[in-house]
Amino acid sequence: MTVNETGAYCGSLSGGCIEEDFLAQLAAGAYRASSQRVRYGEGGMRPDVSLPCGGSLEIVIEFLPPDDATLALLTAMQRALSGQQPMVKMIRPGERAQWEVARP
C-alpha cells in the first residue's frame, strides 16, 4: 500500500479495518521514522484493531521524504518492477532501505 502526503492511497494491507486505522494514524502524524514494523491484532501495538480472521498482521512501514534519494529509489524500483534491472532490497528498522543490483 502506498499513501501520499494528502492521504490518497493505492493498494491494501488486509482489506478493511486495518487500512482505516493505518490511514488515521498517518493523518495524526504517526510513522515518520525511515522504517519501522507495526503489528496489528494479537500481541501487537494496535491490539484494539482485530483482524476478522483472528491472529495478527505485521507490516513494514517506510517513510520516504521528498528528496533526491527517494527519487533515485523510486526510479530503481520502477526499473526492477519492469524487469529491466533485478534489485535486492535490504531494510533494518529505523533506517532507510538500501537497494543493490542483484548479482546473478
PDB file of N, CA and C in Angstrom:
ATOM      1  N   MET A   1       0.847  -1.163   0.000  1.00  0.00           N
ATOM      2  CA  MET A   1       0.000   0.000   0.000  1.00  0.00           C
ATOM      3  C   MET A   1       0.900   1.237   0.000  1.00  0.00           C
ATOM      4  N   THR A   2       0.571   2.195  -0.828  1.00  0.00           N
ATOM      5  CA  THR A   2       1.295   3.458  -0.826  1.00  0.00           C
ATOM      6  C   THR A   2       0.311   4.575  -0.488  1.00  0.00           C
ATOM      7  N   VAL A   3       0.806   5.558   0.260  1.00  0.00           N
ATOM      8  CA  VAL A   3      -0.018   6.695   0.676  1.00  0.00           C
ATOM      9  C   VAL A   3       0.793   7.961   0.452  1.00  0.00           C
ATOM     10  N   ASN A   4       0.174   8.968  -0.159  1.00  0.00           N
ATOM     11  CA  ASN A   4       0.908  10.223  -0.344  1.00  0.00           C
ATOM     12  C   ASN A   4       0.560  11.221   0.758  1.00  0.00           C
ATOM     13  N   GLU A   5       1.166  12.402   0.672  1.00  0.00           N
ATOM     14  CA  GLU A   5       1.009  13.391   1.739  1.00  0.00           C
ATOM     15  C   GLU A   5      -0.413  13.909   1.896  1.00  0.00           C
ATOM     16  N   THR A   6      -1.262  13.746   0.895  1.00  0.00           N
ATOM     17  CA  THR A   6      -2.653  14.193   1.007  1.00  0.00           C
ATOM     18  C   THR A   6      -3.572  13.098   1.537  1.00  0.00           C
ATOM     19  N   GLY A   7      -3.035  11.887   1.723  1.00  0.00           N
ATOM     20  CA  GLY A   7      -3.846  10.773   2.209  1.00  0.00           C
ATOM     21  C   GLY A   7      -4.405   9.895   1.112  1.00  0.00           C
ATOM     22  N   ALA A   8      -4.162  10.257  -0.144  1.00  0.00           N
ATOM     23  CA  ALA A   8      -4.594   9.395  -1.250  1.00  0.00           C
ATOM     24  C   ALA A   8      -3.747   8.130  -1.216  1.00  0.00           C
ATOM     25  N   TYR A   9      -4.358   6.988  -1.489  1.00  0.00           N
ATOM     26  CA  TYR A   9      -3.607   5.740  -1.411  1.00  0.00           C
ATOM     27  C   TYR A   9      -3.963   4.791  -2.541  1.00  0.00           C
ATOM     28  N   CYS A  10      -3.101   3.815  -2.709  1.00  0.00           N
ATOM     29  CA  CYS A  10      -3.267   2.769  -3.701  1.00  0.00           C
ATOM     30  C   CYS A  10      -2.840   1.462  -3.038  1.00  0.00           C
ATOM     31  N   GLY A  11      -3.622   0.435  -3.211  1.00  0.00           N
ATOM     32  CA  GLY A  11      -3.280  -0.853  -2.629  1.00  0.00           C
ATOM     33  C   GLY A  11      -4.008  -1.101  -1.328  1.00  0.00           C
ATOM     34  N   SER A  12      -3.566  -2.112  -0.616  1.00  0.00           N
ATOM     35  CA  SER A  12      -4.278  -2.573   0.566  1.00  0.00           C
ATOM     36  C   SER A  12      -3.320  -3.246   1.534  1.00  0.00           C
ATOM     37  N   LEU A  13      -3.704  -3.278   2.804  1.00  0.00           N
ATOM     38  CA  LEU A  13      -2.948  -4.035   3.801  1.00  0.00           C
ATOM     39  C   LEU A  13      -3.647  -5.350   4.116  1.00  0.00           C
ATOM     40  N   SER A  14      -4.974  -5.274   4.309  1.00  0.00           N
ATOM     41  CA  SER A  14      -5.722  -6.505   4.562  1.00  0.00           C
ATOM     42  C   SER A  14      -7.176  -6.397   4.142  1.00  0.00           C
ATOM     43  N   GLY A  15      -7.565  -5.252   3.662  1.00  0.00           N
ATOM     44  CA  GLY A  15      -8.901  -5.115   3.127  1.00  0.00           C
ATOM     45  C   GLY A  15      -9.960  -4.625   4.094  1.00  0.00           C
ATOM     46  N   GLY A  16      -9.711  -3.578   4.857  1.00  0.00           N
ATOM     47  CA  GLY A  16     -10.770  -3.046   5.709  1.00  0.00           C
ATOM     48  C   GLY A  16     -10.296  -2.267   6.905  1.00  0.00           C
ATOM     49  N   CYS A  17     -10.547  -2.835   8.097  1.00  0.00           N
ATOM     50  CA  CYS A  17     -10.303  -2.097   9.338  1.00  0.00           C
ATOM     51  C   CYS A  17      -8.832  -1.733   9.538  1.00  0.00           C
ATOM     52  N   ILE A  18      -7.930  -2.529   9.044  1.00  0.00           N
ATOM     53  CA  ILE A  18      -6.507  -2.227   9.202  1.00  0.00           C
ATOM     54  C   ILE A  18      -6.167  -0.961   8.417  1.00  0.00           C
ATOM     55  N   GLU A  19      -6.643  -0.882   7.170  1.00  0.00           N
ATOM     56  CA  GLU A  19      -6.378   0.305   6.365  1.00  0.00           C
ATOM     57  C   GLU A  19      -6.946   1.558   7.030  1.00  0.00           C
ATOM     58  N   GLU A  20      -8.169   1.466   7.543  1.00  0.00           N
ATOM     59  CA  GLU A  20      -8.796   2.624   8.190  1.00  0.00           C
ATOM     60  C   GLU A  20      -7.950   3.117   9.351  1.00  0.00           C
ATOM     61  N   ASP A  21      -7.506   2.210  10.212  1.00  0.00           N
ATOM     62  CA  ASP A  21      -6.683   2.597  11.350  1.00  0.00           C
ATOM     63  C   ASP A  21      -5.335   3.133  10.887  1.00  0.00           C
ATOM     64  N   PHE A  22      -4.721   2.463   9.945  1.00  0.00           N
ATOM     65  CA  PHE A  22      -3.420   2.878   9.433  1.00  0.00           C
ATOM     66  C   PHE A  22      -3.490   4.301   8.875  1.00  0.00           C
ATOM     67  N   LEU A  23      -4.504   4.590   8.050  1.00  0.00           N
ATOM     68  CA  LEU A  23      -4.653   5.918   7.464  1.00  0.00           C
ATOM     69  C   LEU A  23      -4.934   6.967   8.539  1.00  0.00           C
ATOM     70  N   ALA A  24      -5.706   6.616   9.551  1.00  0.00           N
ATOM     71  CA  ALA A  24      -5.962   7.546  10.660  1.00  0.00           C
ATOM     72  C   ALA A  24      -4.674   7.842  11.417  1.00  0.00           C
ATOM     73  N   GLN A  25      -3.843   6.819  11.639  1.00  0.00           N
ATOM     74  CA  GLN A  25      -2.567   7.017  12.324  1.00  0.00           C
ATOM     75  C   GLN A  25      -1.651   7.916  11.505  1.00  0.00           C
ATOM     76  N   LEU A  26      -1.615   7.713  10.188  1.00  0.00           N
ATOM     77  CA  LEU A  26      -0.800   8.567   9.316  1.00  0.00           C
ATOM     78  C   LEU A  26      -1.275  10.019   9.393  1.00  0.00           C
ATOM     79  N   ALA A  27      -2.584  10.223   9.317  1.00  0.00           N
ATOM     80  CA  ALA A  27      -3.150  11.573   9.365  1.00  0.00           C
ATOM     81  C   ALA A  27      -2.803  12.262  10.686  1.00  0.00           C
ATOM     82  N   ALA A  28      -2.646  11.467  11.754  1.00  0.00           N
ATOM     83  CA  ALA A  28      -2.300  12.019  13.067  1.00  0.00           C
ATOM     84  C   ALA A  28      -0.792  12.250  13.219  1.00  0.00           C
ATOM     85  N   GLY A  29      -0.012  11.933  12.183  1.00  0.00           N
ATOM     86  CA  GLY A  29       1.426  12.196  12.213  1.00  0.00           C
ATOM     87  C   GLY A  29       2.290  11.015  12.618  1.00  0.00           C
ATOM     88  N   ALA A  30       1.716   9.832  12.706  1.00  0.00           N
ATOM     89  CA  ALA A  30       2.497   8.647  13.084  1.00  0.00           C
ATOM     90  C   ALA A  30       3.347   8.144  11.919  1.00  0.00           C
ATOM     91  N   TYR A  31       4.265   7.256  12.257  1.00  0.00           N
ATOM     92  CA  TYR A  31       5.083   6.519  11.277  1.00  0.00           C
ATOM     93  C   TYR A  31       5.997   7.424  10.462  1.00  0.00           C
ATOM     94  N   ARG A  32       6.723   8.308  11.111  1.00  0.00           N
ATOM     95  CA  ARG A  32       7.635   9.212  10.408  1.00  0.00           C
ATOM     96  C   ARG A  32       9.085   8.748  10.466  1.00  0.00           C
ATOM     97  N   ALA A  33       9.335   7.603  11.086  1.00  0.00           N
ATOM     98  CA  ALA A  33      10.689   7.047  11.072  1.00  0.00           C
ATOM     99  C   ALA A  33      10.984   6.545   9.656  1.00  0.00           C
ATOM    100  N   SER A  34      12.243   6.433   9.305  1.00  0.00           N
ATOM    101  CA  SER A  34      12.603   5.945   7.970  1.00  0.00           C
ATOM    102  C   SER A  34      11.969   4.592   7.685  1.00  0.00           C
ATOM    103  N   SER A  35      11.964   3.721   8.693  1.00  0.00           N
ATOM    104  CA  SER A  35      11.314   2.419   8.554  1.00  0.00           C
ATOM    105  C   SER A  35      10.971   1.899   9.943  1.00  0.00           C
ATOM    106  N   GLN A  36       9.919   1.131   9.996  1.00  0.00           N
ATOM    107  CA  GLN A  36       9.519   0.526  11.265  1.00  0.00           C
ATOM    108  C   GLN A  36       8.539  -0.612  10.998  1.00  0.00           C
ATOM    109  N   ARG A  37       8.383  -1.454  12.020  1.00  0.00           N
ATOM    110  CA  ARG A  37       7.419  -2.550  11.946  1.00  0.00           C
ATOM    111  C   ARG A  37       6.283  -2.246  12.906  1.00  0.00           C
ATOM    112  N   VAL A  38       5.082  -2.566  12.470  1.00  0.00           N
ATOM    113  CA  VAL A  38       3.900  -2.410  13.313  1.00  0.00           C
ATOM    114  C   VAL A  38       3.094  -3.695  13.202  1.00  0.00           C
ATOM    115  N   ARG A  39       2.642  -4.160  14.350  1.00  0.00           N
ATOM    116  CA  ARG A  39       1.846  -5.389  14.382  1.00  0.00           C
ATOM    117  C   ARG A  39       0.419  -5.038  14.789  1.00  0.00           C
ATOM    118  N   TYR A  40      -0.523  -5.522  14.019  1.00  0.00           N
ATOM    119  CA  TYR A  40      -1.944  -5.393  14.324  1.00  0.00           C
ATOM    120  C   TYR A  40      -2.458  -6.728  14.826  1.00  0.00           C
ATOM    121  N   GLY A  41      -3.410  -6.692  15.738  1.00  0.00           N
ATOM    122  CA  GLY A  41      -4.027  -7.917  16.239  1.00  0.00           C
ATOM    123  C   GLY A  41      -3.321  -8.454  17.461  1.00  0.00           C
ATOM    124  N   GLU A  42      -3.420  -9.753  17.651  1.00  0.00           N
ATOM    125  CA  GLU A  42      -2.872 -10.415  18.839  1.00  0.00           C
ATOM    126  C   GLU A  42      -1.409 -10.078  19.059  1.00  0.00           C
ATOM    127  N   GLY A  43      -1.081  -9.623  20.260  1.00  0.00           N
ATOM    128  CA  GLY A  43       0.302  -9.339  20.625  1.00  0.00           C
ATOM    129  C   GLY A  43       0.889  -8.121  19.953  1.00  0.00           C
ATOM    130  N   GLY A  44       0.060  -7.294  19.336  1.00  0.00           N
ATOM    131  CA  GLY A  44       0.578  -6.170  18.587  1.00  0.00           C
ATOM    132  C   GLY A  44       0.463  -4.835  19.290  1.00  0.00           C
ATOM    133  N   MET A  45       1.035  -3.825  18.633  1.00  0.00           N
ATOM    134  CA  MET A  45       0.992  -2.464  19.160  1.00  0.00           C
ATOM    135  C   MET A  45      -0.407  -1.876  19.031  1.00  0.00           C
ATOM    136  N   ARG A  46      -1.222  -2.435  18.164  1.00  0.00           N
ATOM    137  CA  ARG A  46      -2.582  -1.967  17.934  1.00  0.00           C
ATOM    138  C   ARG A  46      -3.553  -3.108  18.247  1.00  0.00           C
ATOM    139  N   PRO A  47      -3.543  -3.636  19.487  1.00  0.00           N
ATOM    140  CA  PRO A  47      -4.401  -4.785  19.811  1.00  0.00           C
ATOM    141  C   PRO A  47      -5.884  -4.453  19.777  1.00  0.00           C
ATOM    142  N   ASP A  48      -6.237  -3.159  19.821  1.00  0.00           N
ATOM    143  CA  ASP A  48      -7.640  -2.759  19.756  1.00  0.00           C
ATOM    144  C   ASP A  48      -8.229  -2.933  18.362  1.00  0.00           C
ATOM    145  N   VAL A  49      -7.386  -3.126  17.367  1.00  0.00           N
ATOM    146  CA  VAL A  49      -7.839  -3.353  16.000  1.00  0.00           C
ATOM    147  C   VAL A  49      -7.614  -4.822  15.688  1.00  0.00           C
ATOM    148  N   SER A  50      -8.712  -5.564  15.588  1.00  0.00           N
ATOM    149  CA  SER A  50      -8.569  -7.001  15.366  1.00  0.00           C
ATOM    150  C   SER A  50      -8.816  -7.351  13.900  1.00  0.00           C
ATOM    151  N   LEU A  51      -8.211  -8.423  13.491  1.00  0.00           N
ATOM    152  CA  LEU A  51      -8.400  -8.920  12.142  1.00  0.00           C
ATOM    153  C   LEU A  51      -9.629  -9.822  12.120  1.00  0.00           C
ATOM    154  N   PRO A  52     -10.432  -9.756  11.076  1.00  0.00           N
ATOM    155  CA  PRO A  52     -11.628 -10.601  11.004  1.00  0.00           C
ATOM    156  C   PRO A  52     -11.309 -12.094  11.127  1.00  0.00           C
ATOM    157  N   CYS A  53     -10.140 -12.501  10.666  1.00  0.00           N
ATOM    158  CA  CYS A  53      -9.764 -13.906  10.711  1.00  0.00           C
ATOM    159  C   CYS A  53      -9.072 -14.270  12.022  1.00  0.00           C
ATOM    160  N   GLY A  54      -8.873 -13.271  12.907  1.00  0.00           N
ATOM    161  CA  GLY A  54      -8.107 -13.518  14.128  1.00  0.00           C
ATOM    162  C   GLY A  54      -6.624 -13.391  13.822  1.00  0.00           C
ATOM    163  N   GLY A  55      -5.800 -13.754  14.754  1.00  0.00           N
ATOM    164  CA  GLY A  55      -4.363 -13.724  14.529  1.00  0.00           C
ATOM    165  C   GLY A  55      -3.809 -12.324  14.501  1.00  0.00           C
ATOM    166  N   SER A  56      -2.746 -12.126  13.731  1.00  0.00           N
ATOM    167  CA  SER A  56      -2.088 -10.836  13.678  1.00  0.00           C
ATOM    168  C   SER A  56      -1.526 -10.577  12.286  1.00  0.00           C
ATOM    169  N   LEU A  57      -1.191  -9.325  12.062  1.00  0.00           N
ATOM    170  CA  LEU A  57      -0.611  -8.896  10.802  1.00  0.00           C
ATOM    171  C   LEU A  57       0.529  -7.956  11.133  1.00  0.00           C
ATOM    172  N   GLU A  58       1.713  -8.261  10.656  1.00  0.00           N
ATOM    173  CA  GLU A  58       2.865  -7.398  10.876  1.00  0.00           C
ATOM    174  C   GLU A  58       3.209  -6.726   9.554  1.00  0.00           C
ATOM    175  N   ILE A  59       3.343  -5.406   9.602  1.00  0.00           N
ATOM    176  CA  ILE A  59       3.656  -4.663   8.381  1.00  0.00           C
ATOM    177  C   ILE A  59       4.950  -3.868   8.572  1.00  0.00           C
ATOM    178  N   VAL A  60       5.641  -3.651   7.483  1.00  0.00           N
ATOM    179  CA  VAL A  60       6.833  -2.810   7.466  1.00  0.00           C
ATOM    180  C   VAL A  60       6.411  -1.496   6.822  1.00  0.00           C
ATOM    181  N   ILE A  61       6.687  -0.415   7.506  1.00  0.00           N
ATOM    182  CA  ILE A  61       6.312   0.909   7.032  1.00  0.00           C
ATOM    183  C   ILE A  61       7.587   1.676   6.707  1.00  0.00           C
ATOM    184  N   GLU A  62       7.605   2.276   5.536  1.00  0.00           N
ATOM    185  CA  GLU A  62       8.734   3.118   5.146  1.00  0.00           C
ATOM    186  C   GLU A  62       8.228   4.526   4.872  1.00  0.00           C
ATOM    187  N   PHE A  63       8.862   5.496   5.473  1.00  0.00           N
ATOM    188  CA  PHE A  63       8.566   6.895   5.204  1.00  0.00           C
ATOM    189  C   PHE A  63       9.593   7.385   4.199  1.00  0.00           C
ATOM    190  N   LEU A  64       9.121   7.858   3.062  1.00  0.00           N
ATOM    191  CA  LEU A  64      10.016   8.337   2.011  1.00  0.00           C
ATOM    192  C   LEU A  64       9.853   9.841   1.861  1.00  0.00           C
ATOM    193  N   PRO A  65      10.810  10.613   2.363  1.00  0.00           N
ATOM    194  CA  PRO A  65      10.716  12.077   2.246  1.00  0.00           C
ATOM    195  C   PRO A  65      10.910  12.501   0.789  1.00  0.00           C
ATOM    196  N   PRO A  66      10.392  13.664   0.425  1.00  0.00           N
ATOM    197  CA  PRO A  66      10.551  14.140  -0.959  1.00  0.00           C
ATOM    198  C   PRO A  66      11.960  14.697  -1.179  1.00  0.00           C
ATOM    199  N   ASP A  67      12.886  13.799  -1.537  1.00  0.00           N
ATOM    200  CA  ASP A  67      14.269  14.234  -1.757  1.00  0.00           C
ATOM    201  C   ASP A  67      14.889  13.429  -2.890  1.00  0.00           C
ATOM    202  N   ASP A  68      16.137  13.737  -3.208  1.00  0.00           N
ATOM    203  CA  ASP A  68      16.821  13.075  -4.322  1.00  0.00           C
ATOM    204  C   ASP A  68      16.997  11.576  -4.077  1.00  0.00           C
ATOM    205  N   ALA A  69      17.236  11.177  -2.835  1.00  0.00           N
ATOM    206  CA  ALA A  69      17.414   9.757  -2.528  1.00  0.00           C
ATOM    207  C   ALA A  69      16.114   8.983  -2.783  1.00  0.00           C
ATOM    208  N   THR A  70      14.988   9.583  -2.452  1.00  0.00           N
ATOM    209  CA  THR A  70      13.698   8.930  -2.713  1.00  0.00           C
ATOM    210  C   THR A  70      13.448   8.811  -4.204  1.00  0.00           C
ATOM    211  N   LEU A  71      13.747   9.859  -4.949  1.00  0.00           N
ATOM    212  CA  LEU A  71      13.581   9.803  -6.401  1.00  0.00           C
ATOM    213  C   LEU A  71      14.440   8.691  -7.002  1.00  0.00           C
ATOM    214  N   ALA A  72      15.680   8.569  -6.549  1.00  0.00           N
ATOM    215  CA  ALA A  72      16.561   7.502  -7.035  1.00  0.00           C
ATOM    216  C   ALA A  72      15.994   6.132  -6.673  1.00  0.00           C
ATOM    217  N   LEU A  73      15.474   6.006  -5.460  1.00  0.00           N
ATOM    218  CA  LEU A  73      14.876   4.738  -5.022  1.00  0.00           C
ATOM    219  C   LEU A  73      13.684   4.374  -5.889  1.00  0.00           C
ATOM    220  N   LEU A  74      12.778   5.310  -6.097  1.00  0.00           N
ATOM    221  CA  LEU A  74      11.587   5.027  -6.898  1.00  0.00           C
ATOM    222  C   LEU A  74      11.941   4.721  -8.350  1.00  0.00           C
ATOM    223  N   THR A  75      12.947   5.378  -8.862  1.00  0.00           N
ATOM    224  CA  THR A  75      13.411   5.094 -10.220  1.00  0.00           C
ATOM    225  C   THR A  75      13.975   3.677 -10.307  1.00  0.00           C
ATOM    226  N   ALA A  76      14.765   3.278  -9.325  1.00  0.00           N
ATOM    227  CA  ALA A  76      15.320   1.919  -9.286  1.00  0.00           C
ATOM    228  C   ALA A  76      14.207   0.891  -9.131  1.00  0.00           C
ATOM    229  N   MET A  77      13.213   1.190  -8.309  1.00  0.00           N
ATOM    230  CA  MET A  77      12.084   0.273  -8.136  1.00  0.00           C
ATOM    231  C   MET A  77      11.327   0.099  -9.445  1.00  0.00           C
ATOM    232  N   GLN A  78      11.132   1.191 -10.162  1.00  0.00           N
ATOM    233  CA  GLN A  78      10.435   1.120 -11.440  1.00  0.00           C
ATOM    234  C   GLN A  78      11.202   0.244 -12.427  1.00  0.00           C
ATOM    235  N   ARG A  79      12.535   0.399 -12.484  1.00  0.00           N
ATOM    236  CA  ARG A  79      13.350  -0.446 -13.367  1.00  0.00           C
ATOM    237  C   ARG A  79      13.231  -1.917 -12.959  1.00  0.00           C
ATOM    238  N   ALA A  80      13.274  -2.180 -11.655  1.00  0.00           N
ATOM    239  CA  ALA A  80      13.182  -3.556 -11.172  1.00  0.00           C
ATOM    240  C   ALA A  80      11.819  -4.160 -11.488  1.00  0.00           C
ATOM    241  N   LEU A  81      10.751  -3.407 -11.247  1.00  0.00           N
ATOM    242  CA  LEU A  81       9.406  -3.930 -11.478  1.00  0.00           C
ATOM    243  C   LEU A  81       9.107  -4.141 -12.954  1.00  0.00           C
ATOM    244  N   SER A  82       9.777  -3.391 -13.826  1.00  0.00           N
ATOM    245  CA  SER A  82       9.562  -3.565 -15.264  1.00  0.00           C
ATOM    246  C   SER A  82      10.495  -4.617 -15.853  1.00  0.00           C
ATOM    247  N   GLY A  83      11.311  -5.254 -15.006  1.00  0.00           N
ATOM    248  CA  GLY A  83      12.191  -6.322 -15.466  1.00  0.00           C
ATOM    249  C   GLY A  83      13.476  -5.841 -16.095  1.00  0.00           C
ATOM    250  N   GLN A  84      13.773  -4.553 -16.001  1.00  0.00           N
ATOM    251  CA  GLN A  84      14.983  -4.012 -16.622  1.00  0.00           C
ATOM    252  C   GLN A  84      16.242  -4.277 -15.810  1.00  0.00           C
ATOM    253  N   GLN A  85      16.093  -4.313 -14.480  1.00  0.00           N
ATOM    254  CA  GLN A  85      17.278  -4.467 -13.639  1.00  0.00           C
ATOM    255  C   GLN A  85      16.873  -5.119 -12.320  1.00  0.00           C
ATOM    256  N   PRO A  86      17.242  -6.373 -12.100  1.00  0.00           N
ATOM    257  CA  PRO A  86      16.900  -7.034 -10.835  1.00  0.00           C
ATOM    258  C   PRO A  86      17.576  -6.327  -9.652  1.00  0.00           C
ATOM    259  N   MET A  87      16.815  -6.116  -8.600  1.00  0.00           N
ATOM    260  CA  MET A  87      17.326  -5.415  -7.423  1.00  0.00           C
ATOM    261  C   MET A  87      17.063  -6.243  -6.170  1.00  0.00           C
ATOM    262  N   VAL A  88      17.874  -6.019  -5.159  1.00  0.00           N
ATOM    263  CA  VAL A  88      17.711  -6.623  -3.842  1.00  0.00           C
ATOM    264  C   VAL A  88      17.518  -5.480  -2.857  1.00  0.00           C
ATOM    265  N   LYS A  89      16.513  -5.610  -2.017  1.00  0.00           N
ATOM    266  CA  LYS A  89      16.226  -4.573  -1.025  1.00  0.00           C
ATOM    267  C   LYS A  89      16.579  -5.093   0.355  1.00  0.00           C
ATOM    268  N   MET A  90      17.307  -4.272   1.115  1.00  0.00           N
ATOM    269  CA  MET A  90      17.662  -4.617   2.494  1.00  0.00           C
ATOM    270  C   MET A  90      17.126  -3.514   3.388  1.00  0.00           C
ATOM    271  N   ILE A  91      16.479  -3.928   4.475  1.00  0.00           N
ATOM    272  CA  ILE A  91      15.912  -2.929   5.375  1.00  0.00           C
ATOM    273  C   ILE A  91      16.141  -3.333   6.819  1.00  0.00           C
ATOM    274  N   ARG A  92      16.539  -2.362   7.615  1.00  0.00           N
ATOM    275  CA  ARG A  92      16.695  -2.532   9.058  1.00  0.00           C
ATOM    276  C   ARG A  92      15.770  -1.515   9.706  1.00  0.00           C
ATOM    277  N   PRO A  93      14.918  -1.948  10.642  1.00  0.00           N
ATOM    278  CA  PRO A  93      14.002  -0.998  11.283  1.00  0.00           C
ATOM    279  C   PRO A  93      14.741   0.227  11.808  1.00  0.00           C
ATOM    280  N   GLY A  94      14.175   1.389  11.499  1.00  0.00           N
ATOM    281  CA  GLY A  94      14.765   2.658  11.927  1.00  0.00           C
ATOM    282  C   GLY A  94      15.686   3.276  10.905  1.00  0.00           C
ATOM    283  N   GLU A  95      16.063   2.513   9.891  1.00  0.00           N
ATOM    284  CA  GLU A  95      16.984   3.020   8.870  1.00  0.00           C
ATOM    285  C   GLU A  95      16.300   3.042   7.513  1.00  0.00           C
ATOM    286  N   ARG A  96      16.848   3.852   6.630  1.00  0.00           N
ATOM    287  CA  ARG A  96      16.348   3.895   5.263  1.00  0.00           C
ATOM    288  C   ARG A  96      16.752   2.618   4.537  1.00  0.00           C
ATOM    289  N   ALA A  97      15.879   2.111   3.700  1.00  0.00           N
ATOM    290  CA  ALA A  97      16.167   0.890   2.944  1.00  0.00           C
ATOM    291  C   ALA A  97      17.337   1.111   2.007  1.00  0.00           C
ATOM    292  N   GLN A  98      18.086   0.061   1.769  1.00  0.00           N
ATOM    293  CA  GLN A  98      19.200   0.080   0.824  1.00  0.00           C
ATOM    294  C   GLN A  98      18.855  -0.848  -0.336  1.00  0.00           C
ATOM    295  N   TRP A  99      19.133  -0.414  -1.519  1.00  0.00           N
ATOM    296  CA  TRP A  99      18.888  -1.211  -2.721  1.00  0.00           C
ATOM    297  C   TRP A  99      20.205  -1.465  -3.423  1.00  0.00           C
ATOM    298  N   GLU A 100      20.361  -2.679  -3.922  1.00  0.00           N
ATOM    299  CA  GLU A 100      21.555  -3.032  -4.698  1.00  0.00           C
ATOM    300  C   GLU A 100      21.122  -3.808  -5.921  1.00  0.00           C
ATOM    301  N   VAL A 101      21.909  -3.707  -6.978  1.00  0.00           N
ATOM    302  CA  VAL A 101      21.664  -4.516  -8.153  1.00  0.00           C
ATOM    303  C   VAL A 101      21.882  -5.979  -7.784  1.00  0.00           C
ATOM    304  N   ALA A 102      20.942  -6.841  -8.146  1.00  0.00           N
ATOM    305  CA  ALA A 102      21.054  -8.280  -7.823  1.00  0.00           C
ATOM    306  C   ALA A 102      22.164  -8.894  -8.647  1.00  0.00           C
ATOM    307  N   ARG A 103      22.939  -9.718  -8.013  1.00  0.00           N
ATOM    308  CA  ARG A 103      24.015 -10.425  -8.712  1.00  0.00           C
ATOM    309  C   ARG A 103      23.481 -11.785  -9.186  1.00  0.00           C
ATOM    310  N   PRO A 104      23.786 -12.149 -10.423  1.00  0.00           N
ATOM    311  CA  PRO A 104      23.286 -13.435 -10.943  1.00  0.00           C
ATOM    312  C   PRO A 104      23.897 -14.633 -10.246  1.00  0.00           C
TER     313      PRO A 104
END
